[in-house]
Amino acid sequence: HLNITCHYNSDLKNKIKFFCKGSDPSLCESSGIKASSETNSTGRFSLR
């Protein structure tokens, strides 16, 4: 299992956090999302 930490600035504190897969971030934005702070977990992927 793997933990990946993602640091962000204070202006993003109240924003929804996303983690997704894809070589092109513009495509990653619309598809392939594995977990977000909206869903918290998707299958083997979870976000805290």
All heavy atoms as atom14 arrays in JSON, in Angstrom:
{
  "sequence": "HLNITCHYNSDLKNKIKFFCKGSDPSLCESSGIKASSETNSTGRFSLR",
  "atom14_mask": [
    [1, 1, 1, 1, 1, 1, 1, 1, 1, 1, 0, 0, 0, 0],
    [1, 1, 1, 1, 1, 1, 1, 1, 0, 0, 0, 0, 0, 0],
    [1, 1, 1, 1, 1, 1, 1, 1, 0, 0, 0, 0, 0, 0],
    [1, 1, 1, 1, 1, 1, 1, 1, 0, 0, 0, 0, 0, 0],
    [1, 1, 1, 1, 1, 1, 1, 0, 0, 0, 0, 0, 0, 0],
    [1, 1, 1, 1, 1, 1, 0, 0, 0, 0, 0, 0, 0, 0],
    [1, 1, 1, 1, 1, 1, 1, 1, 1, 1, 0, 0, 0, 0],
    [1, 1, 1, 1, 1, 1, 1, 1, 1, 1, 1, 1, 0, 0],
    [1, 1, 1, 1, 1, 1, 1, 1, 0, 0, 0, 0, 0, 0],
    [1, 1, 1, 1, 1, 1, 0, 0, 0, 0, 0, 0, 0, 0],
    [1, 1, 1, 1, 1, 1, 1, 1, 0, 0, 0, 0, 0, 0],
    [1, 1, 1, 1, 1, 1, 1, 1, 0, 0, 0, 0, 0, 0],
    [1, 1, 1, 1, 1, 1, 1, 1, 1, 0, 0, 0, 0, 0],
    [1, 1, 1, 1, 1, 1, 1, 1, 0, 0, 0, 0, 0, 0],
    [1, 1, 1, 1, 1, 1, 1, 1, 1, 0, 0, 0, 0, 0],
    [1, 1, 1, 1, 1, 1, 1, 1, 0, 0, 0, 0, 0, 0],
    [1, 1, 1, 1, 1, 1, 1, 1, 1, 0, 0, 0, 0, 0],
    [1, 1, 1, 1, 1, 1, 1, 1, 1, 1, 1, 0, 0, 0],
    [1, 1, 1, 1, 1, 1, 1, 1, 1, 1, 1, 0, 0, 0],
    [1, 1, 1, 1, 1, 1, 0, 0, 0, 0, 0, 0, 0, 0],
    [1, 1, 1, 1, 1, 1, 1, 1, 1, 0, 0, 0, 0, 0],
    [1, 1, 1, 1, 0, 0, 0, 0, 0, 0, 0, 0, 0, 0],
    [1, 1, 1, 1, 1, 1, 0, 0, 0, 0, 0, 0, 0, 0],
    [1, 1, 1, 1, 1, 1, 1, 1, 0, 0, 0, 0, 0, 0],
    [1, 1, 1, 1, 1, 1, 1, 0, 0, 0, 0, 0, 0, 0],
    [1, 1, 1, 1, 1, 1, 0, 0, 0, 0, 0, 0, 0, 0],
    [1, 1, 1, 1, 1, 1, 1, 1, 0, 0, 0, 0, 0, 0],
    [1, 1, 1, 1, 1, 1, 0, 0, 0, 0, 0, 0, 0, 0],
    [1, 1, 1, 1, 1, 1, 1, 1, 1, 0, 0, 0, 0, 0],
    [1, 1, 1, 1, 1, 1, 0, 0, 0, 0, 0, 0, 0, 0],
    [1, 1, 1, 1, 1, 1, 0, 0, 0, 0, 0, 0, 0, 0],
    [1, 1, 1, 1, 0, 0, 0, 0, 0, 0, 0, 0, 0, 0],
    [1, 1, 1, 1, 1, 1, 1, 1, 0, 0, 0, 0, 0, 0],
    [1, 1, 1, 1, 1, 1, 1, 1, 1, 0, 0, 0, 0, 0],
    [1, 1, 1, 1, 1, 0, 0, 0, 0, 0, 0, 0, 0, 0],
    [1, 1, 1, 1, 1, 1, 0, 0, 0, 0, 0, 0, 0, 0],
    [1, 1, 1, 1, 1, 1, 0, 0, 0, 0, 0, 0, 0, 0],
    [1, 1, 1, 1, 1, 1, 1, 1, 1, 0, 0, 0, 0, 0],
    [1, 1, 1, 1, 1, 1, 1, 0, 0, 0, 0, 0, 0, 0],
    [1, 1, 1, 1, 1, 1, 1, 1, 0, 0, 0, 0, 0, 0],
    [1, 1, 1, 1, 1, 1, 0, 0, 0, 0, 0, 0, 0, 0],
    [1, 1, 1, 1, 1, 1, 1, 0, 0, 0, 0, 0, 0, 0],
    [1, 1, 1, 1, 0, 0, 0, 0, 0, 0, 0, 0, 0, 0],
    [1, 1, 1, 1, 1, 1, 1, 1, 1, 1, 1, 0, 0, 0],
    [1, 1, 1, 1, 1, 1, 1, 1, 1, 1, 1, 0, 0, 0],
    [1, 1, 1, 1, 1, 1, 0, 0, 0, 0, 0, 0, 0, 0],
    [1, 1, 1, 1, 1, 1, 1, 1, 0, 0, 0, 0, 0, 0],
    [1, 1, 1, 1, 1, 1, 1, 1, 1, 1, 1, 0, 0, 0]
  ],
  "atom14_positions": [
    [[0.86, -1.18, 0.0], [0.0, 0.0, 0.0], [0.9, 1.24, 0.0], [2.07, 1.17, 0.35], [-0.96, 0.0, 1.19], [-0.29, 0.34, 2.5], [0.32, -0.6, 3.27], [-0.15, 1.53, 3.16], [0.82, -0.02, 4.36], [0.55, 1.26, 4.31], [0.0, 0.0, 0.0], [0.0, 0.0, 0.0], [0.0, 0.0, 0.0], [0.0, 0.0, 0.0]],
    [[0.36, 2.36, -0.41], [1.15, 3.58, -0.6], [0.37, 4.79, -0.11], [-0.83, 4.91, -0.38], [1.47, 3.74, -2.1], [2.12, 5.05, -2.54], [3.53, 5.18, -1.94], [2.18, 5.12, -4.06], [0.0, 0.0, 0.0], [0.0, 0.0, 0.0], [0.0, 0.0, 0.0], [0.0, 0.0, 0.0], [0.0, 0.0, 0.0], [0.0, 0.0, 0.0]],
    [[1.06, 5.67, 0.61], [0.5, 6.97, 1.0], [1.21, 8.07, 0.21], [2.44, 8.14, 0.21], [0.69, 7.22, 2.5], [-0.15, 6.3, 3.36], [-1.29, 6.01, 3.02], [0.4, 5.84, 4.47], [0.0, 0.0, 0.0], [0.0, 0.0, 0.0], [0.0, 0.0, 0.0], [0.0, 0.0, 0.0], [0.0, 0.0, 0.0], [0.0, 0.0, 0.0]],
    [[0.45, 8.91, -0.45], [0.99, 10.05, -1.19], [0.46, 11.32, -0.55], [-0.75, 11.51, -0.44], [0.59, 10.0, -2.68], [1.2, 8.76, -3.34], [1.04, 11.26, -3.41], [0.8, 8.58, -4.79], [0.0, 0.0, 0.0], [0.0, 0.0, 0.0], [0.0, 0.0, 0.0], [0.0, 0.0, 0.0], [0.0, 0.0, 0.0], [0.0, 0.0, 0.0]],
    [[1.38, 12.2, -0.12], [0.97, 13.44, 0.53], [1.02, 14.59, -0.46], [1.95, 14.71, -1.26], [1.89, 13.76, 1.73], [3.26, 13.79, 1.29], [1.75, 12.72, 2.81], [0.0, 0.0, 0.0], [0.0, 0.0, 0.0], [0.0, 0.0, 0.0], [0.0, 0.0, 0.0], [0.0, 0.0, 0.0], [0.0, 0.0, 0.0], [0.0, 0.0, 0.0]],
    [[0.01, 15.45, -0.4], [-0.14, 16.56, -1.33], [-0.28, 17.86, -0.52], [-1.31, 18.08, 0.13], [-1.37, 16.36, -2.21], [-1.42, 14.75, -3.06], [0.0, 0.0, 0.0], [0.0, 0.0, 0.0], [0.0, 0.0, 0.0], [0.0, 0.0, 0.0], [0.0, 0.0, 0.0], [0.0, 0.0, 0.0], [0.0, 0.0, 0.0], [0.0, 0.0, 0.0]],
    [[0.74, 18.7, -0.55], [0.72, 19.95, 0.2], [0.06, 21.05, -0.63], [0.21, 21.11, -1.85], [2.15, 20.36, 0.56], [2.84, 19.39, 1.48], [2.83, 19.5, 2.85], [3.55, 18.26, 1.21], [3.5, 18.5, 3.39], [3.96, 17.73, 2.41], [0.0, 0.0, 0.0], [0.0, 0.0, 0.0], [0.0, 0.0, 0.0], [0.0, 0.0, 0.0]],
    [[-0.68, 21.94, 0.04], [-1.35, 23.03, -0.67], [-1.31, 24.32, 0.16], [-1.12, 24.29, 1.38], [-2.79, 22.65, -1.01], [-3.65, 22.25, 0.17], [-4.35, 23.21, 0.91], [-3.78, 20.92, 0.55], [-5.16, 22.86, 2.0], [-4.58, 20.55, 1.63], [-5.25, 21.51, 2.34], [-6.05, 21.16, 3.41], [0.0, 0.0, 0.0], [0.0, 0.0, 0.0]],
    [[-1.49, 25.45, -0.52], [-1.47, 26.76, 0.13], [-2.79, 27.03, 0.86], [-3.82, 26.39, 0.59], [-1.21, 27.86, -0.89], [0.17, 27.75, -1.51], [1.11, 27.28, -0.87], [0.29, 28.18, -2.76], [0.0, 0.0, 0.0], [0.0, 0.0, 0.0], [0.0, 0.0, 0.0], [0.0, 0.0, 0.0], [0.0, 0.0, 0.0], [0.0, 0.0, 0.0]],
    [[-2.77, 28.01, 1.76], [-3.93, 28.31, 2.61], [-5.14, 28.75, 1.8], [-6.29, 28.55, 2.23], [-3.57, 29.4, 3.63], [-3.11, 30.57, 2.97], [0.0, 0.0, 0.0], [0.0, 0.0, 0.0], [0.0, 0.0, 0.0], [0.0, 0.0, 0.0], [0.0, 0.0, 0.0], [0.0, 0.0, 0.0], [0.0, 0.0, 0.0], [0.0, 0.0, 0.0]],
    [[-4.94, 29.35, 0.59], [-6.08, 29.8, -0.2], [-6.88, 28.63, -0.77], [-8.0, 28.81, -1.27], [-5.61, 30.72, -1.34], [-4.66, 30.01, -2.3], [-3.79, 29.26, -1.83], [-4.8, 30.23, -3.51], [0.0, 0.0, 0.0], [0.0, 0.0, 0.0], [0.0, 0.0, 0.0], [0.0, 0.0, 0.0], [0.0, 0.0, 0.0], [0.0, 0.0, 0.0]],
    [[-6.33, 27.41, -0.68], [-7.04, 26.23, -1.17], [-7.64, 25.41, -0.03], [-8.17, 24.33, -0.25], [-6.07, 25.34, -1.98], [-5.46, 25.98, -3.23], [-4.42, 25.06, -3.84], [-6.53, 26.33, -4.25], [0.0, 0.0, 0.0], [0.0, 0.0, 0.0], [0.0, 0.0, 0.0], [0.0, 0.0, 0.0], [0.0, 0.0, 0.0], [0.0, 0.0, 0.0]],
    [[-7.58, 25.96, 1.17], [-8.0, 25.22, 2.37], [-9.44, 24.7, 2.25], [-9.72, 23.55, 2.59], [-7.87, 26.12, 3.59], [-8.32, 25.5, 4.9], [-8.11, 26.45, 6.06], [-8.59, 25.86, 7.37], [-8.39, 26.78, 8.52], [0.0, 0.0, 0.0], [0.0, 0.0, 0.0], [0.0, 0.0, 0.0], [0.0, 0.0, 0.0], [0.0, 0.0, 0.0]],
    [[-10.35, 25.51, 1.78], [-11.77, 25.13, 1.73], [-12.21, 24.57, 0.39], [-13.4, 24.37, 0.16], [-12.63, 26.35, 2.09], [-12.39, 26.83, 3.51], [-12.25, 26.02, 4.43], [-12.33, 28.15, 3.69], [0.0, 0.0, 0.0], [0.0, 0.0, 0.0], [0.0, 0.0, 0.0], [0.0, 0.0, 0.0], [0.0, 0.0, 0.0], [0.0, 0.0, 0.0]],
    [[-11.26, 24.33, -0.48], [-11.58, 23.77, -1.79], [-11.65, 22.25, -1.72], [-11.06, 21.62, -0.83], [-10.51, 24.18, -2.82], [-10.31, 25.68, -2.98], [-11.54, 26.36, -3.54], [-11.28, 27.85, -3.78], [-12.46, 28.54, -4.32], [0.0, 0.0, 0.0], [0.0, 0.0, 0.0], [0.0, 0.0, 0.0], [0.0, 0.0, 0.0], [0.0, 0.0, 0.0]],
    [[-12.35, 21.66, -2.67], [-12.4, 20.21, -2.78], [-11.04, 19.72, -3.29], [-10.46, 20.31, -4.21], [-13.52, 19.76, -3.74], [-14.88, 20.17, -3.18], [-13.47, 18.25, -3.97], [-16.01, 19.95, -4.15], [0.0, 0.0, 0.0], [0.0, 0.0, 0.0], [0.0, 0.0, 0.0], [0.0, 0.0, 0.0], [0.0, 0.0, 0.0], [0.0, 0.0, 0.0]],
    [[-10.52, 18.65, -2.7], [-9.22, 18.11, -3.1], [-9.45, 16.91, -4.03], [-10.37, 16.12, -3.83], [-8.42, 17.68, -1.88], [-8.35, 18.72, -0.76], [-7.88, 20.07, -1.24], [-7.7, 21.09, -0.13], [-8.88, 21.32, 0.71], [0.0, 0.0, 0.0], [0.0, 0.0, 0.0], [0.0, 0.0, 0.0], [0.0, 0.0, 0.0], [0.0, 0.0, 0.0]],
    [[-8.59, 16.81, -5.04], [-8.72, 15.76, -6.05], [-7.41, 14.99, -6.18], [-6.33, 15.53, -6.01], [-9.07, 16.34, -7.42], [-10.41, 17.03, -7.48], [-10.51, 18.4, -7.32], [-11.56, 16.3, -7.7], [-11.73, 19.04, -7.38], [-12.8, 16.93, -7.77], [-12.89, 18.31, -7.6], [0.0, 0.0, 0.0], [0.0, 0.0, 0.0], [0.0, 0.0, 0.0]],
    [[-7.55, 13.72, -6.53], [-6.39, 12.89, -6.87], [-6.82, 12.01, -8.04], [-7.79, 11.27, -7.95], [-6.0, 12.02, -5.68], [-4.76, 11.18, -5.93], [-3.51, 11.75, -5.85], [-4.87, 9.83, -6.21], [-2.37, 10.98, -6.07], [-3.75, 9.05, -6.42], [-2.49, 9.64, -6.35], [0.0, 0.0, 0.0], [0.0, 0.0, 0.0], [0.0, 0.0, 0.0]],
    [[-6.12, 12.12, -9.17], [-6.53, 11.35, -10.33], [-5.35, 10.98, -11.19], [-4.23, 11.47, -11.01], [-7.58, 12.09, -11.15], [-6.98, 13.59, -11.93], [0.0, 0.0, 0.0], [0.0, 0.0, 0.0], [0.0, 0.0, 0.0], [0.0, 0.0, 0.0], [0.0, 0.0, 0.0], [0.0, 0.0, 0.0], [0.0, 0.0, 0.0], [0.0, 0.0, 0.0]],
    [[-5.58, 10.07, -12.13], [-4.54, 9.49, -12.95], [-4.67, 9.94, -14.4], [-5.77, 9.99, -14.94], [-4.61, 7.96, -12.88], [-3.54, 7.23, -13.69], [-3.73, 5.73, -13.55], [-2.65, 4.98, -14.32], [-2.83, 3.5, -14.21], [0.0, 0.0, 0.0], [0.0, 0.0, 0.0], [0.0, 0.0, 0.0], [0.0, 0.0, 0.0], [0.0, 0.0, 0.0]],
    [[-3.54, 10.23, -15.04], [-3.53, 10.58, -16.45], [-2.35, 11.44, -16.8], [-1.93, 12.3, -16.03], [0.0, 0.0, 0.0], [0.0, 0.0, 0.0], [0.0, 0.0, 0.0], [0.0, 0.0, 0.0], [0.0, 0.0, 0.0], [0.0, 0.0, 0.0], [0.0, 0.0, 0.0], [0.0, 0.0, 0.0], [0.0, 0.0, 0.0], [0.0, 0.0, 0.0]],
    [[-1.77, 11.23, -17.99], [-0.6, 12.01, -18.39], [-0.95, 13.45, -18.74], [-0.11, 14.33, -18.67], [0.08, 11.34, -19.6], [-0.83, 11.22, -20.68], [0.0, 0.0, 0.0], [0.0, 0.0, 0.0], [0.0, 0.0, 0.0], [0.0, 0.0, 0.0], [0.0, 0.0, 0.0], [0.0, 0.0, 0.0], [0.0, 0.0, 0.0], [0.0, 0.0, 0.0]],
    [[-2.21, 13.71, -19.1], [-2.67, 15.05, -19.46], [-3.6, 15.55, -18.36], [-4.69, 15.01, -18.17], [-3.41, 15.0, -20.8], [-3.79, 16.38, -21.31], [-3.86, 17.32, -20.48], [-4.01, 16.52, -22.52], [0.0, 0.0, 0.0], [0.0, 0.0, 0.0], [0.0, 0.0, 0.0], [0.0, 0.0, 0.0], [0.0, 0.0, 0.0], [0.0, 0.0, 0.0]],
    [[-3.22, 16.58, -17.59], [-4.07, 17.04, -16.48], [-5.44, 17.54, -16.92], [-6.39, 17.48, -16.14], [-3.24, 18.16, -15.84], [-2.28, 18.59, -16.89], [-1.98, 17.36, -17.7], [0.0, 0.0, 0.0], [0.0, 0.0, 0.0], [0.0, 0.0, 0.0], [0.0, 0.0, 0.0], [0.0, 0.0, 0.0], [0.0, 0.0, 0.0], [0.0, 0.0, 0.0]],
    [[-5.55, 18.04, -18.15], [-6.85, 18.51, -18.6], [-7.82, 17.34, -18.78], [-9.02, 17.47, -18.53], [-6.72, 19.28, -19.92], [-6.26, 18.44, -20.97], [0.0, 0.0, 0.0], [0.0, 0.0, 0.0], [0.0, 0.0, 0.0], [0.0, 0.0, 0.0], [0.0, 0.0, 0.0], [0.0, 0.0, 0.0], [0.0, 0.0, 0.0], [0.0, 0.0, 0.0]],
    [[-7.31, 16.18, -19.18], [-8.15, 14.99, -19.28], [-8.37, 14.39, -17.91], [-9.43, 13.86, -17.6], [-7.49, 13.95, -20.2], [-7.32, 14.35, -21.67], [-6.59, 13.25, -22.42], [-8.66, 14.63, -22.31], [0.0, 0.0, 0.0], [0.0, 0.0, 0.0], [0.0, 0.0, 0.0], [0.0, 0.0, 0.0], [0.0, 0.0, 0.0], [0.0, 0.0, 0.0]],
    [[-7.35, 14.49, -17.08], [-7.42, 13.96, -15.72], [-8.54, 14.66, -14.94], [-9.18, 14.07, -14.08], [-6.08, 14.19, -15.03], [-5.91, 13.51, -13.38], [0.0, 0.0, 0.0], [0.0, 0.0, 0.0], [0.0, 0.0, 0.0], [0.0, 0.0, 0.0], [0.0, 0.0, 0.0], [0.0, 0.0, 0.0], [0.0, 0.0, 0.0], [0.0, 0.0, 0.0]],
    [[-8.79, 15.92, -15.3], [-9.79, 16.71, -14.6], [-11.2, 16.2, -14.85], [-12.05, 16.21, -13.95], [-9.68, 18.16, -15.05], [-10.59, 19.12, -14.32], [-10.33, 20.56, -14.73], [-9.37, 20.79, -15.49], [-11.08, 21.42, -14.28], [0.0, 0.0, 0.0], [0.0, 0.0, 0.0], [0.0, 0.0, 0.0], [0.0, 0.0, 0.0], [0.0, 0.0, 0.0]],
    [[-11.45, 15.7, -16.06], [-12.8, 15.31, -16.41], [-13.04, 13.81, -16.31], [-14.17, 13.36, -16.33], [-13.11, 15.76, -17.85], [-12.19, 15.18, -18.76], [0.0, 0.0, 0.0], [0.0, 0.0, 0.0], [0.0, 0.0, 0.0], [0.0, 0.0, 0.0], [0.0, 0.0, 0.0], [0.0, 0.0, 0.0], [0.0, 0.0, 0.0], [0.0, 0.0, 0.0]],
    [[-11.96, 13.04, -16.22], [-12.12, 11.58, -16.14], [-10.97, 10.99, -15.34], [-9.95, 11.61, -15.11], [-12.15, 10.97, -17.54], [-10.91, 11.19, -18.21], [0.0, 0.0, 0.0], [0.0, 0.0, 0.0], [0.0, 0.0, 0.0], [0.0, 0.0, 0.0], [0.0, 0.0, 0.0], [0.0, 0.0, 0.0], [0.0, 0.0, 0.0], [0.0, 0.0, 0.0]],
    [[-11.15, 9.77, -14.92], [-10.08, 9.06, -14.23], [-9.88, 9.47, -12.79], [-8.88, 9.13, -12.18], [0.0, 0.0, 0.0], [0.0, 0.0, 0.0], [0.0, 0.0, 0.0], [0.0, 0.0, 0.0], [0.0, 0.0, 0.0], [0.0, 0.0, 0.0], [0.0, 0.0, 0.0], [0.0, 0.0, 0.0], [0.0, 0.0, 0.0], [0.0, 0.0, 0.0]],
    [[-10.82, 10.23, -12.21], [-10.66, 10.63, -10.81], [-10.78, 9.4, -9.92], [-11.76, 8.67, -9.98], [-11.7, 11.7, -10.42], [-11.4, 13.02, -11.13], [-11.71, 11.92, -8.9], [-12.4, 14.12, -10.86], [0.0, 0.0, 0.0], [0.0, 0.0, 0.0], [0.0, 0.0, 0.0], [0.0, 0.0, 0.0], [0.0, 0.0, 0.0], [0.0, 0.0, 0.0]],
    [[-9.79, 9.2, -9.08], [-9.77, 8.05, -8.19], [-10.38, 8.37, -6.83], [-11.03, 7.55, -6.23], [-8.33, 7.56, -8.01], [-7.67, 7.07, -9.3], [-8.38, 5.85, -9.84], [-7.66, 5.28, -11.04], [-8.33, 4.09, -11.59], [0.0, 0.0, 0.0], [0.0, 0.0, 0.0], [0.0, 0.0, 0.0], [0.0, 0.0, 0.0], [0.0, 0.0, 0.0]],
    [[-10.14, 9.57, -6.35], [-10.69, 9.95, -5.05], [-10.71, 11.46, -4.93], [-9.89, 12.16, -5.51], [-9.85, 9.35, -3.92], [0.0, 0.0, 0.0], [0.0, 0.0, 0.0], [0.0, 0.0, 0.0], [0.0, 0.0, 0.0], [0.0, 0.0, 0.0], [0.0, 0.0, 0.0], [0.0, 0.0, 0.0], [0.0, 0.0, 0.0], [0.0, 0.0, 0.0]],
    [[-11.66, 11.99, -4.17], [-11.71, 13.42, -3.88], [-12.29, 13.6, -2.49], [-12.83, 12.67, -1.9], [-12.55, 14.16, -4.92], [-13.92, 13.91, -4.7], [0.0, 0.0, 0.0], [0.0, 0.0, 0.0], [0.0, 0.0, 0.0], [0.0, 0.0, 0.0], [0.0, 0.0, 0.0], [0.0, 0.0, 0.0], [0.0, 0.0, 0.0], [0.0, 0.0, 0.0]],
    [[-12.19, 14.82, -1.97], [-12.74, 15.07, -0.64], [-14.26, 15.12, -0.67], [-14.9, 15.22, 0.36], [-12.16, 16.37, -0.07], [-12.24, 17.43, -0.99], [0.0, 0.0, 0.0], [0.0, 0.0, 0.0], [0.0, 0.0, 0.0], [0.0, 0.0, 0.0], [0.0, 0.0, 0.0], [0.0, 0.0, 0.0], [0.0, 0.0, 0.0], [0.0, 0.0, 0.0]],
    [[-14.85, 15.02, -1.87], [-16.31, 14.88, -1.99], [-16.72, 13.44, -1.73], [-17.67, 13.17, -1.02], [-16.77, 15.31, -3.39], [-17.33, 16.71, -3.47], [-18.05, 16.94, -4.79], [-17.74, 16.24, -5.77], [-18.91, 17.83, -4.85], [0.0, 0.0, 0.0], [0.0, 0.0, 0.0], [0.0, 0.0, 0.0], [0.0, 0.0, 0.0], [0.0, 0.0, 0.0]],
    [[-15.98, 12.51, -2.34], [-16.34, 11.09, -2.25], [-15.55, 10.37, -1.17], [-15.96, 9.32, -0.71], [-16.08, 10.39, -3.59], [-14.68, 10.51, -3.92], [-16.89, 11.03, -4.71], [0.0, 0.0, 0.0], [0.0, 0.0, 0.0], [0.0, 0.0, 0.0], [0.0, 0.0, 0.0], [0.0, 0.0, 0.0], [0.0, 0.0, 0.0], [0.0, 0.0, 0.0]],
    [[-14.4, 10.92, -0.78], [-13.51, 10.39, 0.25], [-12.78, 9.12, -0.19], [-11.59, 8.99, 0.01], [-14.25, 10.12, 1.56], [-13.29, 9.79, 2.69], [-12.22, 10.35, 2.75], [-13.69, 8.88, 3.56], [0.0, 0.0, 0.0], [0.0, 0.0, 0.0], [0.0, 0.0, 0.0], [0.0, 0.0, 0.0], [0.0, 0.0, 0.0], [0.0, 0.0, 0.0]],
    [[-13.5, 8.18, -0.81], [-12.82, 6.97, -1.25], [-13.48, 6.4, -2.49], [-14.68, 6.58, -2.72], [-12.81, 5.91, -0.14], [-14.12, 5.49, 0.14], [0.0, 0.0, 0.0], [0.0, 0.0, 0.0], [0.0, 0.0, 0.0], [0.0, 0.0, 0.0], [0.0, 0.0, 0.0], [0.0, 0.0, 0.0], [0.0, 0.0, 0.0], [0.0, 0.0, 0.0]],
    [[-12.66, 5.75, -3.33], [-13.14, 5.07, -4.52], [-12.36, 3.77, -4.64], [-11.2, 3.77, -5.03], [-12.93, 5.92, -5.79], [-13.51, 7.21, -5.6], [-13.55, 5.26, -7.0], [0.0, 0.0, 0.0], [0.0, 0.0, 0.0], [0.0, 0.0, 0.0], [0.0, 0.0, 0.0], [0.0, 0.0, 0.0], [0.0, 0.0, 0.0], [0.0, 0.0, 0.0]],
    [[-12.99, 2.66, -4.29], [-12.31, 1.38, -4.37], [-11.09, 1.32, -3.46], [-11.18, 1.54, -2.26], [0.0, 0.0, 0.0], [0.0, 0.0, 0.0], [0.0, 0.0, 0.0], [0.0, 0.0, 0.0], [0.0, 0.0, 0.0], [0.0, 0.0, 0.0], [0.0, 0.0, 0.0], [0.0, 0.0, 0.0], [0.0, 0.0, 0.0], [0.0, 0.0, 0.0]],
    [[-9.93, 1.07, -4.05], [-8.69, 0.95, -3.28], [-8.06, 2.31, -2.98], [-7.02, 2.39, -2.33], [-7.68, 0.08, -4.04], [-8.14, -1.37, -4.21], [-7.15, -2.2, -5.02], [-7.03, -1.71, -6.38], [-5.95, -1.12, -6.87], [-4.9, -0.92, -6.11], [-5.92, -0.72, -8.13], [0.0, 0.0, 0.0], [0.0, 0.0, 0.0], [0.0, 0.0, 0.0]],
    [[-8.67, 3.4, -3.46], [-8.13, 4.75, -3.28], [-8.96, 5.5, -2.23], [-10.19, 5.53, -2.3], [-8.17, 5.53, -4.6], [-7.24, 4.99, -5.65], [-7.52, 3.82, -6.31], [-6.07, 5.67, -5.97], [-6.68, 3.32, -7.28], [-5.23, 5.2, -6.95], [-5.51, 4.01, -7.61], [0.0, 0.0, 0.0], [0.0, 0.0, 0.0], [0.0, 0.0, 0.0]],
    [[-8.29, 6.11, -1.27], [-8.99, 6.92, -0.27], [-8.22, 8.21, -0.02], [-7.0, 8.27, -0.23], [-9.16, 6.15, 1.04], [-7.9, 5.79, 1.59], [0.0, 0.0, 0.0], [0.0, 0.0, 0.0], [0.0, 0.0, 0.0], [0.0, 0.0, 0.0], [0.0, 0.0, 0.0], [0.0, 0.0, 0.0], [0.0, 0.0, 0.0], [0.0, 0.0, 0.0]],
    [[-8.92, 9.27, 0.39], [-8.32, 10.59, 0.57], [-8.69, 11.15, 1.94], [-9.85, 11.1, 2.34], [-8.79, 11.52, -0.55], [-8.2, 12.93, -0.62], [-8.22, 13.42, -2.08], [-9.0, 13.92, 0.24], [0.0, 0.0, 0.0], [0.0, 0.0, 0.0], [0.0, 0.0, 0.0], [0.0, 0.0, 0.0], [0.0, 0.0, 0.0], [0.0, 0.0, 0.0]],
    [[-7.7, 11.68, 2.64], [-7.92, 12.3, 3.95], [-7.28, 13.68, 3.94], [-6.1, 13.83, 3.63], [-7.3, 11.44, 5.07], [-7.49, 12.0, 6.47], [-7.0, 10.99, 7.5], [-5.63, 10.61, 7.27], [-4.57, 11.29, 7.72], [-4.75, 12.42, 8.4], [-3.35, 10.87, 7.48], [0.0, 0.0, 0.0], [0.0, 0.0, 0.0], [0.0, 0.0, 0.0]]
  ]
}
